[in-house]
Structure formats: structure tokens, C-alpha cells
N, C-alpha and C. Protein backbone atom coordinates (compact mmCIF):
# COMPACT_ATOMS: atom_id res chain seq x y z
N MET A 1 42.65 13.06 -26.71
CA MET A 1 44.63 12.24 -26.86
C MET A 1 44.54 11.70 -27.95
N ASN A 2 46.14 11.90 -28.31
CA ASN A 2 46.52 11.50 -29.50
C ASN A 2 46.17 10.17 -29.85
N ASN A 3 46.45 9.47 -31.07
CA ASN A 3 46.03 7.85 -31.42
C ASN A 3 47.05 7.07 -30.43
N PRO A 4 46.41 5.73 -29.72
CA PRO A 4 46.81 4.93 -28.90
C PRO A 4 48.08 4.16 -29.49
N ILE A 5 47.97 3.96 -30.76
CA ILE A 5 49.18 3.57 -31.50
C ILE A 5 50.91 3.76 -31.45
N GLU A 6 50.49 5.48 -30.96
CA GLU A 6 51.41 6.20 -30.70
C GLU A 6 52.44 5.60 -29.37
N HIS A 7 51.49 5.60 -28.62
CA HIS A 7 52.22 4.66 -27.06
C HIS A 7 52.44 3.38 -27.30
N LEU A 8 52.43 2.30 -28.35
CA LEU A 8 52.79 1.15 -28.20
C LEU A 8 54.36 1.47 -28.22
N ASN A 9 54.89 0.34 -27.22
CA ASN A 9 56.33 0.58 -27.09
C ASN A 9 56.90 -0.91 -27.87
N LYS A 10 57.88 -0.38 -28.98
CA LYS A 10 58.68 -1.41 -30.16
C LYS A 10 58.97 -2.42 -29.39
N ILE A 11 59.59 -2.07 -28.13
CA ILE A 11 60.38 -3.74 -27.49
C ILE A 11 59.62 -4.51 -26.74
N PHE A 12 57.92 -4.25 -27.02
CA PHE A 12 57.51 -5.22 -26.04
C PHE A 12 56.46 -5.65 -27.27
N ASP A 13 57.16 -5.84 -28.36
CA ASP A 13 56.63 -6.35 -29.75
C ASP A 13 56.58 -7.88 -29.67
N SER A 14 57.77 -8.24 -29.20
CA SER A 14 58.05 -9.56 -29.39
C SER A 14 57.33 -10.68 -28.08
N ARG A 15 56.78 -11.51 -28.79
CA ARG A 15 55.72 -12.30 -27.76
C ARG A 15 56.33 -12.85 -26.46
N ILE A 16 58.03 -13.20 -26.53
CA ILE A 16 58.90 -13.15 -25.62
C ILE A 16 59.18 -12.17 -24.27
N ARG A 17 59.17 -11.39 -25.49
CA ARG A 17 59.42 -10.11 -24.12
C ARG A 17 58.22 -9.93 -23.56
N LEU A 18 57.21 -10.00 -24.32
CA LEU A 18 55.72 -9.58 -23.22
C LEU A 18 55.94 -10.74 -22.23
N GLY A 19 56.30 -12.13 -22.50
CA GLY A 19 55.70 -12.85 -21.45
C GLY A 19 56.92 -12.96 -20.51
N ILE A 20 57.88 -12.55 -20.25
CA ILE A 20 58.98 -12.22 -19.92
C ILE A 20 58.33 -10.70 -18.30
N MET A 21 57.80 -9.97 -19.06
CA MET A 21 57.05 -8.39 -18.52
C MET A 21 56.21 -9.00 -18.16
N SER A 22 55.12 -9.61 -18.54
CA SER A 22 54.02 -10.39 -17.54
C SER A 22 54.55 -11.25 -16.53
N ALA A 23 55.56 -12.03 -16.45
CA ALA A 23 55.66 -12.49 -15.58
C ALA A 23 56.69 -11.86 -14.78
N VAL A 24 57.35 -10.87 -14.79
CA VAL A 24 57.83 -10.04 -13.69
C VAL A 24 57.24 -9.07 -13.36
N MET A 25 55.98 -8.45 -13.78
CA MET A 25 55.47 -7.67 -13.50
C MET A 25 54.22 -8.41 -12.12
N VAL A 26 53.81 -9.55 -12.18
CA VAL A 26 53.59 -10.25 -11.13
C VAL A 26 53.57 -11.01 -10.01
N ASN A 27 54.96 -10.94 -10.13
CA ASN A 27 56.05 -11.57 -9.44
C ASN A 27 57.45 -10.79 -8.76
N ASP A 28 57.61 -10.93 -7.31
CA ASP A 28 58.29 -9.99 -7.19
C ASP A 28 59.80 -10.01 -7.69
N GLU A 29 59.85 -11.81 -8.21
CA GLU A 29 61.52 -11.96 -8.96
C GLU A 29 60.71 -13.21 -9.30
N VAL A 30 61.70 -14.30 -10.51
CA VAL A 30 61.19 -15.13 -11.11
C VAL A 30 63.15 -15.02 -11.67
N ASN A 31 63.31 -16.36 -11.87
CA ASN A 31 64.34 -17.17 -12.08
C ASN A 31 64.06 -17.66 -13.31
N PHE A 32 65.48 -17.89 -14.15
CA PHE A 32 65.93 -17.60 -15.64
C PHE A 32 64.67 -19.32 -15.52
N ASN A 33 65.08 -20.56 -14.79
CA ASN A 33 64.60 -21.61 -15.40
C ASN A 33 62.84 -21.74 -15.72
N ASP A 34 62.75 -20.79 -14.57
CA ASP A 34 61.20 -20.46 -14.54
C ASP A 34 60.45 -19.98 -15.92
N LEU A 35 61.34 -18.57 -16.08
CA LEU A 35 61.07 -18.17 -17.09
C LEU A 35 61.07 -18.96 -18.29
N LYS A 36 62.11 -19.57 -18.64
CA LYS A 36 62.35 -20.55 -19.81
C LYS A 36 60.84 -21.55 -19.78
N GLU A 37 60.78 -22.21 -18.92
CA GLU A 37 59.70 -22.98 -18.99
C GLU A 37 58.12 -22.23 -18.98
N LEU A 38 57.97 -21.02 -18.64
CA LEU A 38 57.08 -20.50 -18.89
C LEU A 38 56.77 -20.03 -20.72
N ILE A 39 57.96 -19.85 -20.93
CA ILE A 39 57.69 -19.10 -22.34
C ILE A 39 57.83 -20.05 -23.29
N GLN A 40 58.44 -21.18 -22.88
CA GLN A 40 59.06 -22.21 -23.37
C GLN A 40 59.89 -21.74 -24.97
N VAL A 41 61.19 -21.50 -24.33
CA VAL A 41 61.97 -21.12 -25.80
C VAL A 41 63.64 -21.55 -25.19
N THR A 42 64.66 -21.57 -26.10
CA THR A 42 65.80 -21.81 -26.01
C THR A 42 66.57 -20.79 -24.76
N ASP A 43 67.43 -21.57 -24.20
CA ASP A 43 68.46 -20.81 -23.06
C ASP A 43 68.64 -19.28 -24.26
N GLY A 44 69.49 -19.35 -25.26
CA GLY A 44 69.71 -18.16 -25.54
C GLY A 44 68.90 -17.23 -26.25
N ASN A 45 68.00 -17.90 -26.79
CA ASN A 45 66.86 -17.41 -26.78
C ASN A 45 66.30 -16.41 -25.99
N LEU A 46 65.90 -16.90 -24.80
CA LEU A 46 65.53 -16.05 -23.50
C LEU A 46 66.23 -15.16 -23.07
N ALA A 47 68.32 -15.61 -23.12
CA ALA A 47 68.77 -14.71 -22.89
C ALA A 47 69.18 -13.27 -23.33
N SER A 48 68.74 -13.33 -25.09
CA SER A 48 69.03 -12.32 -25.92
C SER A 48 67.64 -11.17 -25.33
N HIS A 49 66.72 -11.74 -25.36
CA HIS A 49 65.33 -10.87 -25.15
C HIS A 49 65.98 -10.30 -23.35
N LEU A 50 66.02 -11.39 -22.74
CA LEU A 50 66.76 -10.47 -21.28
C LEU A 50 67.05 -9.49 -21.14
N LYS A 51 68.51 -9.53 -22.15
CA LYS A 51 69.61 -8.68 -22.48
C LYS A 51 68.53 -7.35 -23.01
N THR A 52 68.32 -7.19 -23.81
CA THR A 52 67.47 -6.45 -24.36
C THR A 52 66.36 -5.77 -23.50
N LEU A 53 65.78 -6.37 -22.71
CA LEU A 53 64.63 -5.68 -21.58
C LEU A 53 65.74 -4.92 -20.26
N GLU A 54 67.03 -5.79 -20.41
CA GLU A 54 67.94 -5.27 -19.03
C GLU A 54 68.50 -3.77 -19.42
N GLU A 55 68.90 -3.88 -20.74
CA GLU A 55 69.32 -3.02 -21.57
C GLU A 55 68.57 -1.37 -21.38
N ASN A 56 67.51 -2.16 -21.57
CA ASN A 56 66.73 -0.64 -21.45
C ASN A 56 65.87 -0.47 -20.13
N ASN A 57 66.73 -0.93 -18.97
CA ASN A 57 66.65 -0.82 -17.57
C ASN A 57 64.90 -1.31 -17.12
N TYR A 58 64.58 -1.87 -18.45
CA TYR A 58 62.86 -2.68 -17.45
C TYR A 58 63.03 -3.61 -16.32
N ILE A 59 64.08 -4.34 -16.82
CA ILE A 59 64.13 -5.59 -15.33
C ILE A 59 65.96 -5.59 -14.97
N LYS A 60 65.57 -6.15 -13.95
CA LYS A 60 66.85 -6.19 -13.76
C LYS A 60 66.87 -7.41 -12.63
N VAL A 61 68.74 -7.72 -12.33
CA VAL A 61 69.28 -8.79 -12.71
C VAL A 61 69.96 -9.19 -11.48
N ASN A 62 69.37 -10.34 -10.66
CA ASN A 62 70.21 -10.22 -9.88
C ASN A 62 70.71 -11.69 -9.63
N LYS A 63 72.23 -12.28 -9.56
CA LYS A 63 72.85 -13.16 -9.56
C LYS A 63 73.21 -13.71 -8.53
N GLY A 64 72.66 -15.00 -7.94
CA GLY A 64 73.20 -15.17 -6.57
C GLY A 64 73.45 -16.96 -6.86
N PHE A 65 73.18 -17.31 -5.35
CA PHE A 65 73.88 -18.87 -5.45
C PHE A 65 72.39 -19.78 -4.27
N VAL A 66 71.92 -20.55 -4.99
CA VAL A 66 71.24 -21.69 -4.32
C VAL A 66 72.24 -23.12 -3.88
N GLY A 67 72.77 -23.30 -2.80
CA GLY A 67 73.75 -24.01 -2.81
C GLY A 67 75.07 -24.04 -3.57
N ARG A 68 75.29 -24.60 -4.20
CA ARG A 68 76.51 -24.34 -5.13
C ARG A 68 76.23 -24.24 -6.84
N LYS A 69 74.73 -23.97 -6.84
CA LYS A 69 74.30 -23.70 -8.11
C LYS A 69 73.89 -22.20 -8.52
N THR A 70 74.34 -21.85 -9.51
CA THR A 70 74.08 -20.06 -9.68
C THR A 70 73.03 -20.32 -10.09
N ASN A 71 72.10 -19.08 -9.40
CA ASN A 71 70.87 -18.62 -9.43
C ASN A 71 70.26 -17.44 -9.73
N THR A 72 70.01 -17.32 -10.61
CA THR A 72 69.82 -15.69 -11.72
C THR A 72 68.00 -14.98 -11.43
N THR A 73 68.09 -14.44 -11.34
CA THR A 73 66.29 -13.63 -10.88
C THR A 73 66.40 -12.63 -11.56
N TYR A 74 65.06 -12.09 -11.85
CA TYR A 74 64.94 -10.82 -12.51
C TYR A 74 63.78 -10.16 -11.98
N ALA A 75 63.53 -8.84 -11.87
CA ALA A 75 62.81 -8.16 -11.62
C ALA A 75 62.79 -7.27 -12.77
N VAL A 76 60.97 -6.66 -12.37
CA VAL A 76 60.50 -5.42 -13.17
C VAL A 76 61.11 -4.01 -12.16
N THR A 77 61.87 -3.19 -13.18
CA THR A 77 62.35 -2.00 -12.38
C THR A 77 61.08 -0.96 -12.70
N LYS A 78 61.06 0.23 -11.69
CA LYS A 78 59.84 1.13 -11.86
C LYS A 78 60.18 1.43 -13.14
N THR A 79 61.06 1.70 -13.83
CA THR A 79 60.91 2.68 -15.55
C THR A 79 60.05 1.35 -16.30
N GLY A 80 60.75 -0.47 -16.14
CA GLY A 80 59.97 -0.83 -16.78
C GLY A 80 58.47 -1.12 -16.32
N GLU A 81 58.11 -0.99 -15.22
CA GLU A 81 56.81 -1.18 -14.81
C GLU A 81 56.03 0.01 -15.74
N ARG A 82 56.61 1.01 -15.49
CA ARG A 82 55.26 2.20 -16.24
C ARG A 82 55.68 2.49 -17.55
N ALA A 83 56.95 2.11 -18.21
CA ALA A 83 56.57 1.29 -19.68
C ALA A 83 55.83 0.37 -20.05
N PHE A 84 55.86 -0.46 -19.18
CA PHE A 84 54.82 -1.89 -19.69
C PHE A 84 53.02 -1.40 -19.33
N LYS A 85 52.99 -0.76 -18.23
CA LYS A 85 51.64 -0.07 -17.83
C LYS A 85 51.21 0.65 -19.59
N THR A 86 51.91 1.57 -19.46
CA THR A 86 51.70 2.39 -20.98
C THR A 86 51.52 1.61 -22.20
N HIS A 87 52.47 0.07 -22.74
CA HIS A 87 51.79 0.19 -23.62
C HIS A 87 50.57 -0.57 -23.82
N LEU A 88 50.13 -1.22 -22.09
CA LEU A 88 48.88 -2.18 -22.26
C LEU A 88 48.01 -1.58 -22.17
N GLU A 89 48.12 0.01 -21.52
CA GLU A 89 46.74 0.72 -21.72
C GLU A 89 46.56 1.17 -22.80
N ALA A 90 47.88 1.23 -23.77
CA ALA A 90 47.67 1.58 -25.25
C ALA A 90 46.80 0.86 -26.13
N LEU A 91 47.57 -0.47 -25.62
CA LEU A 91 46.44 -1.89 -26.22
C LEU A 91 45.08 -1.92 -26.06
N GLU A 92 45.16 -1.47 -25.18
CA GLU A 92 43.84 -1.24 -24.71
C GLU A 92 42.45 -0.33 -25.03
N LYS A 93 43.36 0.49 -25.22
CA LYS A 93 42.50 1.96 -25.77
C LYS A 93 41.91 1.64 -27.38
N MET A 94 43.11 0.86 -27.79
CA MET A 94 42.92 0.40 -29.43
C MET A 94 41.95 -0.34 -29.64
N ILE A 95 42.20 -1.59 -28.69
CA ILE A 95 41.05 -2.54 -28.72
C ILE A 95 39.37 -2.33 -28.62
N LYS A 96 39.36 -1.29 -27.80
CA LYS A 96 38.39 -0.39 -27.43
C LYS A 96 37.93 0.19 -28.84
N GLY A 97 38.46 0.55 -29.10
CA GLY A 97 38.34 2.25 -30.11
C GLY A 97 38.38 3.81 -29.45
N ILE A 98 39.25 3.52 -28.32
CA ILE A 98 38.93 5.14 -27.83
C ILE A 98 39.84 5.98 -28.27
N LYS A 99 40.02 7.28 -28.30
CA LYS A 99 41.51 8.14 -28.44
C LYS A 99 41.82 9.16 -27.50
């Protein structure tokens, strides 16, 4: 196998995107405020990272309402799940020194 570093995904370089992907991988869906609290970032910062992940088809966005309040939730896509698992496997191989 070739060098695992080649399988690292540049999109997941950001700790914020890593946090978002980790949250959506282990939950069916996560709402904006929960993500914001979990990752400890501003609305604007979180929104820009979510947009990048959405544009790359790694997460899907569901906009709805809870009562009269808007509720936006995020879930991982199949593409996102595959990309993130590949990224994590490459990291693991680098850590273990496996080629």
C-alpha cells in the first residue's frame, strides 16, 4: 500500500470540521446549537465550516421548525461517511507506522 498520508483529506484538517464530522458520525442528526456548544465556536465560524462540508456533500442539512422556532439539523451523507472513515484509517496507519 502507498503512504497513508496520501489518504488524508484536506477538508478534515480543521479541528472544527473534525468536530462536526465526529458528531454527525455518532448521531443520526445534530442541531446547530448543539454543535455550537459541543465545538465551542461562534455562529459564523460554525456556519462557514458547515457550508464547506455541505458543498462537498459530506453532510446534509434539514431545515424545519420546532413550534415557531427554526430548527436546522445536520446528518452525515454516505459520501461523508466514506470520506471520514478513509481519513481516520489513514491517520491510524500513520500513528501505527503501517504502510
